N, C-alpha and C. Protein backbone atom coordinates (compact mmCIF):
# COMPACT_ATOMS: atom_id res chain seq x y z
N MET A 1 81.95 62.54 217.34
CA MET A 1 82.37 61.99 216.07
C MET A 1 83.87 61.94 216.01
N THR A 2 84.42 60.79 215.58
CA THR A 2 85.85 60.66 215.48
C THR A 2 86.29 61.40 214.20
N GLU A 3 87.52 61.93 214.24
CA GLU A 3 88.06 62.65 213.10
C GLU A 3 88.70 61.66 212.09
N SER A 4 88.39 61.81 210.86
CA SER A 4 89.00 61.02 209.82
C SER A 4 90.12 61.85 209.18
N ILE A 5 91.00 61.16 208.51
CA ILE A 5 92.07 61.86 207.80
C ILE A 5 91.50 62.73 206.74
N LEU A 6 90.52 62.27 206.06
CA LEU A 6 89.86 63.05 204.99
C LEU A 6 89.23 64.36 205.54
N ARG A 7 88.53 64.25 206.62
CA ARG A 7 87.91 65.46 207.24
C ARG A 7 88.97 66.38 207.71
N THR A 8 90.02 65.89 208.33
CA THR A 8 91.06 66.70 208.84
C THR A 8 91.79 67.47 207.72
N LYS A 9 92.18 66.66 206.68
CA LYS A 9 92.92 67.28 205.59
C LYS A 9 92.06 68.32 204.78
N SER A 10 90.80 67.99 204.63
CA SER A 10 89.94 68.92 203.85
C SER A 10 89.73 70.23 204.65
N LYS A 11 89.60 70.14 205.97
CA LYS A 11 89.41 71.32 206.76
C LYS A 11 90.65 72.18 206.79
N GLN A 12 91.81 71.56 206.89
CA GLN A 12 93.06 72.26 206.86
C GLN A 12 93.25 72.94 205.48
N PHE A 13 92.90 72.23 204.40
CA PHE A 13 93.01 72.78 203.10
C PHE A 13 92.05 74.02 202.95
N ALA A 14 90.87 73.90 203.48
CA ALA A 14 89.91 75.00 203.43
C ALA A 14 90.46 76.23 204.10
N LYS A 15 91.06 76.04 205.28
CA LYS A 15 91.66 77.19 206.01
C LYS A 15 92.79 77.81 205.24
N GLU A 16 93.66 77.00 204.65
CA GLU A 16 94.77 77.52 203.85
C GLU A 16 94.23 78.28 202.61
N ILE A 17 93.21 77.76 202.03
CA ILE A 17 92.55 78.47 200.89
C ILE A 17 92.06 79.83 201.28
N VAL A 18 91.35 79.93 202.42
CA VAL A 18 90.77 81.17 202.92
C VAL A 18 91.90 82.16 203.11
N PHE A 19 93.00 81.76 203.79
CA PHE A 19 94.10 82.62 204.12
C PHE A 19 94.83 83.12 202.84
N VAL A 20 95.05 82.23 201.83
CA VAL A 20 95.70 82.63 200.63
C VAL A 20 94.85 83.59 199.87
N CYS A 21 93.55 83.29 199.78
CA CYS A 21 92.67 84.22 199.04
C CYS A 21 92.49 85.57 199.70
N GLN A 22 92.54 85.59 201.04
CA GLN A 22 92.54 86.89 201.74
C GLN A 22 93.74 87.71 201.33
N GLU A 23 94.87 87.06 201.32
CA GLU A 23 96.12 87.74 200.93
C GLU A 23 96.10 88.22 199.52
N ILE A 24 95.54 87.43 198.60
CA ILE A 24 95.45 87.85 197.16
C ILE A 24 94.51 89.06 197.10
N LYS A 25 93.42 89.04 197.80
CA LYS A 25 92.43 90.17 197.78
C LYS A 25 93.09 91.44 198.31
N GLN A 26 93.80 91.29 199.40
CA GLN A 26 94.43 92.48 200.04
C GLN A 26 95.63 93.02 199.27
N ASN A 27 96.50 92.13 198.78
CA ASN A 27 97.77 92.57 198.19
C ASN A 27 97.71 92.73 196.63
N LYS A 28 96.86 91.96 196.05
CA LYS A 28 96.79 92.04 194.57
C LYS A 28 95.47 92.60 194.03
N LYS A 29 94.58 92.91 194.96
CA LYS A 29 93.27 93.51 194.64
C LYS A 29 92.50 92.71 193.62
N GLU A 30 92.57 91.39 193.72
CA GLU A 30 91.85 90.47 192.83
C GLU A 30 90.80 89.75 193.68
N SER A 31 89.58 89.70 193.22
CA SER A 31 88.51 89.02 194.00
C SER A 31 87.67 88.06 193.20
N ASN A 32 87.53 88.18 191.91
CA ASN A 32 86.71 87.30 191.12
C ASN A 32 87.18 85.84 191.19
N LEU A 33 88.43 85.59 190.82
CA LEU A 33 88.97 84.26 190.79
C LEU A 33 89.16 83.69 192.19
N SER A 34 89.66 84.54 193.13
CA SER A 34 89.84 84.04 194.46
C SER A 34 88.51 83.67 195.17
N ASN A 35 87.46 84.45 194.86
CA ASN A 35 86.13 84.10 195.41
C ASN A 35 85.68 82.73 194.94
N GLN A 36 85.94 82.40 193.68
CA GLN A 36 85.61 81.11 193.15
C GLN A 36 86.38 80.01 193.86
N LEU A 37 87.67 80.25 194.16
CA LEU A 37 88.52 79.26 194.77
C LEU A 37 88.06 79.07 196.24
N VAL A 38 87.68 80.15 196.91
CA VAL A 38 87.18 80.00 198.25
C VAL A 38 85.94 79.15 198.28
N ARG A 39 85.05 79.37 197.32
CA ARG A 39 83.81 78.58 197.30
C ARG A 39 84.08 77.09 197.11
N SER A 40 84.89 76.77 196.08
CA SER A 40 85.16 75.35 195.81
C SER A 40 86.03 74.73 196.85
N GLY A 41 87.02 75.53 197.27
CA GLY A 41 88.02 74.93 198.25
C GLY A 41 87.44 74.65 199.63
N THR A 42 86.42 75.44 200.05
CA THR A 42 85.78 75.18 201.32
C THR A 42 84.63 74.22 201.18
N SER A 43 84.07 74.08 199.97
CA SER A 43 82.98 73.19 199.72
C SER A 43 83.40 71.70 199.82
N ILE A 44 84.66 71.42 199.55
CA ILE A 44 85.16 70.07 199.63
C ILE A 44 84.92 69.50 201.07
N GLY A 45 85.43 70.22 202.04
CA GLY A 45 85.28 69.72 203.44
C GLY A 45 83.83 69.77 203.90
N ALA A 46 83.06 70.77 203.44
CA ALA A 46 81.66 70.84 203.86
C ALA A 46 80.90 69.62 203.36
N ASN A 47 81.16 69.20 202.15
CA ASN A 47 80.45 67.98 201.62
C ASN A 47 80.96 66.71 202.25
N ILE A 48 82.20 66.66 202.60
CA ILE A 48 82.75 65.49 203.31
C ILE A 48 82.07 65.39 204.70
N TYR A 49 82.05 66.54 205.35
CA TYR A 49 81.42 66.58 206.68
C TYR A 49 79.95 66.19 206.58
N GLU A 50 79.25 66.71 205.55
CA GLU A 50 77.83 66.45 205.39
C GLU A 50 77.59 64.97 205.06
N ALA A 51 78.53 64.33 204.42
CA ALA A 51 78.41 62.93 204.06
C ALA A 51 78.28 62.06 205.32
N ASN A 52 78.80 62.51 206.42
CA ASN A 52 78.68 61.75 207.68
C ASN A 52 77.26 61.68 208.23
N TYR A 53 76.40 62.59 207.72
CA TYR A 53 75.03 62.64 208.14
C TYR A 53 74.11 62.29 206.99
N ALA A 54 74.63 61.47 206.05
CA ALA A 54 73.85 61.08 204.85
C ALA A 54 72.63 60.22 205.26
N GLN A 55 71.69 60.25 204.41
CA GLN A 55 70.43 59.48 204.63
C GLN A 55 70.49 58.08 204.05
N GLY A 56 71.67 57.60 203.88
CA GLY A 56 71.81 56.24 203.34
C GLY A 56 73.13 56.23 202.50
N LYS A 57 73.43 55.01 202.06
CA LYS A 57 74.69 54.81 201.27
C LYS A 57 74.70 55.69 200.01
N ARG A 58 73.62 55.70 199.31
CA ARG A 58 73.61 56.44 198.04
C ARG A 58 73.82 57.93 198.24
N ASP A 59 73.21 58.47 199.32
CA ASP A 59 73.43 59.92 199.65
C ASP A 59 74.87 60.10 200.09
N PHE A 60 75.45 59.18 200.84
CA PHE A 60 76.80 59.26 201.28
C PHE A 60 77.79 59.34 200.06
N ILE A 61 77.55 58.46 199.15
CA ILE A 61 78.38 58.43 197.93
C ILE A 61 78.20 59.69 197.14
N SER A 62 77.02 60.18 197.03
CA SER A 62 76.71 61.39 196.32
C SER A 62 77.43 62.60 196.90
N LYS A 63 77.45 62.70 198.24
CA LYS A 63 78.15 63.79 198.89
C LYS A 63 79.71 63.73 198.65
N LEU A 64 80.23 62.49 198.68
CA LEU A 64 81.65 62.38 198.42
C LEU A 64 81.98 62.69 196.96
N GLU A 65 81.07 62.33 196.06
CA GLU A 65 81.31 62.64 194.63
C GLU A 65 81.20 64.16 194.37
N ILE A 66 80.35 64.85 195.10
CA ILE A 66 80.28 66.30 195.01
C ILE A 66 81.58 66.90 195.50
N ALA A 67 82.08 66.39 196.64
CA ALA A 67 83.36 66.84 197.20
C ALA A 67 84.47 66.66 196.16
N LEU A 68 84.47 65.52 195.47
CA LEU A 68 85.46 65.24 194.43
C LEU A 68 85.39 66.28 193.29
N LYS A 69 84.18 66.59 192.86
CA LYS A 69 83.97 67.56 191.80
C LYS A 69 84.54 68.92 192.26
N GLU A 70 84.30 69.27 193.51
CA GLU A 70 84.76 70.57 194.05
C GLU A 70 86.25 70.56 194.09
N CYS A 71 86.86 69.39 194.35
CA CYS A 71 88.28 69.25 194.40
C CYS A 71 88.89 69.54 192.99
N TYR A 72 88.28 68.92 191.99
CA TYR A 72 88.77 69.21 190.62
C TYR A 72 88.62 70.68 190.29
N GLU A 73 87.49 71.25 190.68
CA GLU A 73 87.24 72.70 190.41
C GLU A 73 88.32 73.53 191.10
N SER A 74 88.66 73.23 192.30
CA SER A 74 89.65 73.95 193.07
C SER A 74 90.97 73.91 192.39
N GLU A 75 91.35 72.76 191.82
CA GLU A 75 92.59 72.63 191.05
C GLU A 75 92.60 73.57 189.87
N TYR A 76 91.45 73.70 189.24
CA TYR A 76 91.32 74.61 188.06
C TYR A 76 91.58 76.04 188.52
N TRP A 77 90.94 76.51 189.59
CA TRP A 77 91.14 77.84 190.04
C TRP A 77 92.52 78.15 190.54
N LEU A 78 93.14 77.16 191.18
CA LEU A 78 94.54 77.30 191.56
C LEU A 78 95.46 77.50 190.33
N GLU A 79 95.25 76.69 189.34
CA GLU A 79 96.06 76.82 188.13
C GLU A 79 95.83 78.17 187.46
N LEU A 80 94.58 78.65 187.37
CA LEU A 80 94.29 79.92 186.79
C LEU A 80 94.92 81.10 187.57
N LEU A 81 94.80 81.02 188.87
CA LEU A 81 95.42 82.06 189.68
C LEU A 81 96.92 82.09 189.57
N PHE A 82 97.53 80.91 189.48
CA PHE A 82 98.98 80.81 189.26
C PHE A 82 99.38 81.35 187.92
N GLU A 83 98.68 80.94 186.86
CA GLU A 83 99.02 81.25 185.48
C GLU A 83 98.74 82.76 185.17
N THR A 84 97.99 83.44 186.01
CA THR A 84 97.72 84.87 185.82
C THR A 84 98.50 85.70 186.84
N ASN A 85 99.48 85.09 187.51
CA ASN A 85 100.40 85.72 188.38
C ASN A 85 99.77 86.30 189.70
N TYR A 86 98.64 85.71 190.15
CA TYR A 86 98.07 86.13 191.40
C TYR A 86 98.54 85.19 192.54
N LEU A 87 99.00 84.07 192.20
CA LEU A 87 99.41 83.09 193.17
C LEU A 87 100.88 82.72 192.86
N CYS A 88 101.75 82.77 193.87
CA CYS A 88 103.15 82.46 193.69
C CYS A 88 103.34 80.98 193.54
N GLU A 89 104.47 80.59 192.95
CA GLU A 89 104.65 79.19 192.60
C GLU A 89 104.69 78.29 193.85
N SER A 90 105.31 78.77 194.92
CA SER A 90 105.43 77.94 196.10
C SER A 90 104.03 77.63 196.72
N ASP A 91 103.19 78.68 196.78
CA ASP A 91 101.82 78.49 197.28
C ASP A 91 101.03 77.58 196.32
N PHE A 92 101.21 77.79 195.07
CA PHE A 92 100.49 76.97 194.03
C PHE A 92 100.89 75.51 194.24
N LEU A 93 102.13 75.23 194.24
CA LEU A 93 102.60 73.80 194.36
C LEU A 93 102.14 73.17 195.62
N LYS A 94 102.23 73.90 196.74
CA LYS A 94 101.77 73.38 198.03
C LYS A 94 100.30 73.05 198.01
N LEU A 95 99.47 74.02 197.59
CA LEU A 95 98.04 73.88 197.60
C LEU A 95 97.55 72.79 196.57
N ARG A 96 98.18 72.81 195.39
CA ARG A 96 97.85 71.79 194.39
C ARG A 96 98.17 70.37 194.89
N GLY A 97 99.30 70.27 195.60
CA GLY A 97 99.67 68.96 196.22
C GLY A 97 98.68 68.54 197.27
N GLU A 98 98.26 69.43 198.11
CA GLU A 98 97.28 69.07 199.14
C GLU A 98 95.95 68.70 198.51
N CYS A 99 95.56 69.49 197.47
CA CYS A 99 94.28 69.17 196.81
C CYS A 99 94.38 67.84 196.10
N GLY A 100 95.52 67.53 195.55
CA GLY A 100 95.71 66.22 194.91
C GLY A 100 95.65 65.06 195.89
N ASN A 101 96.17 65.28 197.11
CA ASN A 101 96.12 64.30 198.15
C ASN A 101 94.67 64.03 198.52
N ILE A 102 93.94 65.13 198.75
CA ILE A 102 92.50 64.97 199.07
C ILE A 102 91.74 64.26 197.99
N ARG A 103 92.01 64.62 196.75
CA ARG A 103 91.38 64.05 195.56
C ARG A 103 91.60 62.53 195.55
N ARG A 104 92.83 62.08 195.76
CA ARG A 104 93.12 60.68 195.76
C ARG A 104 92.37 59.95 196.91
N LEU A 105 92.33 60.60 198.07
CA LEU A 105 91.56 59.95 199.19
C LEU A 105 90.08 59.88 198.88
N LEU A 106 89.56 60.92 198.23
CA LEU A 106 88.14 60.92 197.84
C LEU A 106 87.83 59.80 196.78
N ILE A 107 88.71 59.68 195.88
CA ILE A 107 88.53 58.64 194.84
C ILE A 107 88.53 57.24 195.47
N ALA A 108 89.46 57.04 196.40
CA ALA A 108 89.48 55.73 197.09
C ALA A 108 88.26 55.54 197.94
N SER A 109 87.83 56.56 198.58
CA SER A 109 86.64 56.47 199.47
C SER A 109 85.38 56.20 198.67
N CYS A 110 85.23 56.90 197.50
CA CYS A 110 84.11 56.61 196.68
C CYS A 110 84.11 55.23 196.14
N LYS A 111 85.27 54.73 195.71
CA LYS A 111 85.36 53.40 195.21
C LYS A 111 84.99 52.36 196.28
N THR A 112 85.50 52.54 197.48
CA THR A 112 85.20 51.61 198.59
C THR A 112 83.71 51.66 198.93
N ALA A 113 83.18 52.89 198.98
CA ALA A 113 81.74 52.99 199.28
C ALA A 113 80.89 52.34 198.25
N LYS A 114 81.23 52.51 197.01
CA LYS A 114 80.46 51.92 195.91
C LYS A 114 80.55 50.37 195.99
N GLU A 115 81.77 49.82 196.22
CA GLU A 115 81.92 48.40 196.33
C GLU A 115 81.13 47.89 197.53
N ASN A 116 81.17 48.54 198.63
CA ASN A 116 80.38 48.08 199.80
C ASN A 116 78.91 48.23 199.61
N ASN A 117 78.48 49.13 198.72
CA ASN A 117 77.04 49.33 198.49
C ASN A 117 76.46 48.20 197.62
N THR A 118 77.32 47.55 196.86
CA THR A 118 76.81 46.51 195.99
C THR A 118 76.81 45.11 196.67
N LYS A 119 77.40 45.05 197.83
CA LYS A 119 77.41 43.75 198.56
C LYS A 119 76.18 43.50 199.38
């Protein structure tokens, strides 16, 4: 399978989320919010990867839309961790920016897939 920019970026984002959350758990002894972020942040890439094995266009679009929802959820947990002082500003800005880039790619991919599905 060839690597797409979306798969590559989402996997890199997932790894960064795992590392940041490990640090938060070790240094700040917080696990409830960071566990939520790990779930949503790693789910983005998992759903994108799973979309490649979809059982048709509708299933493909559904998986990408789930990934998009997980992206929005990840942004929420990032904001909450930042606003409660568990995540430093530089990490927050970096991760929020990466999540935003993935979100924009997902929106464009969903739009294209939907347009191609109606043709």
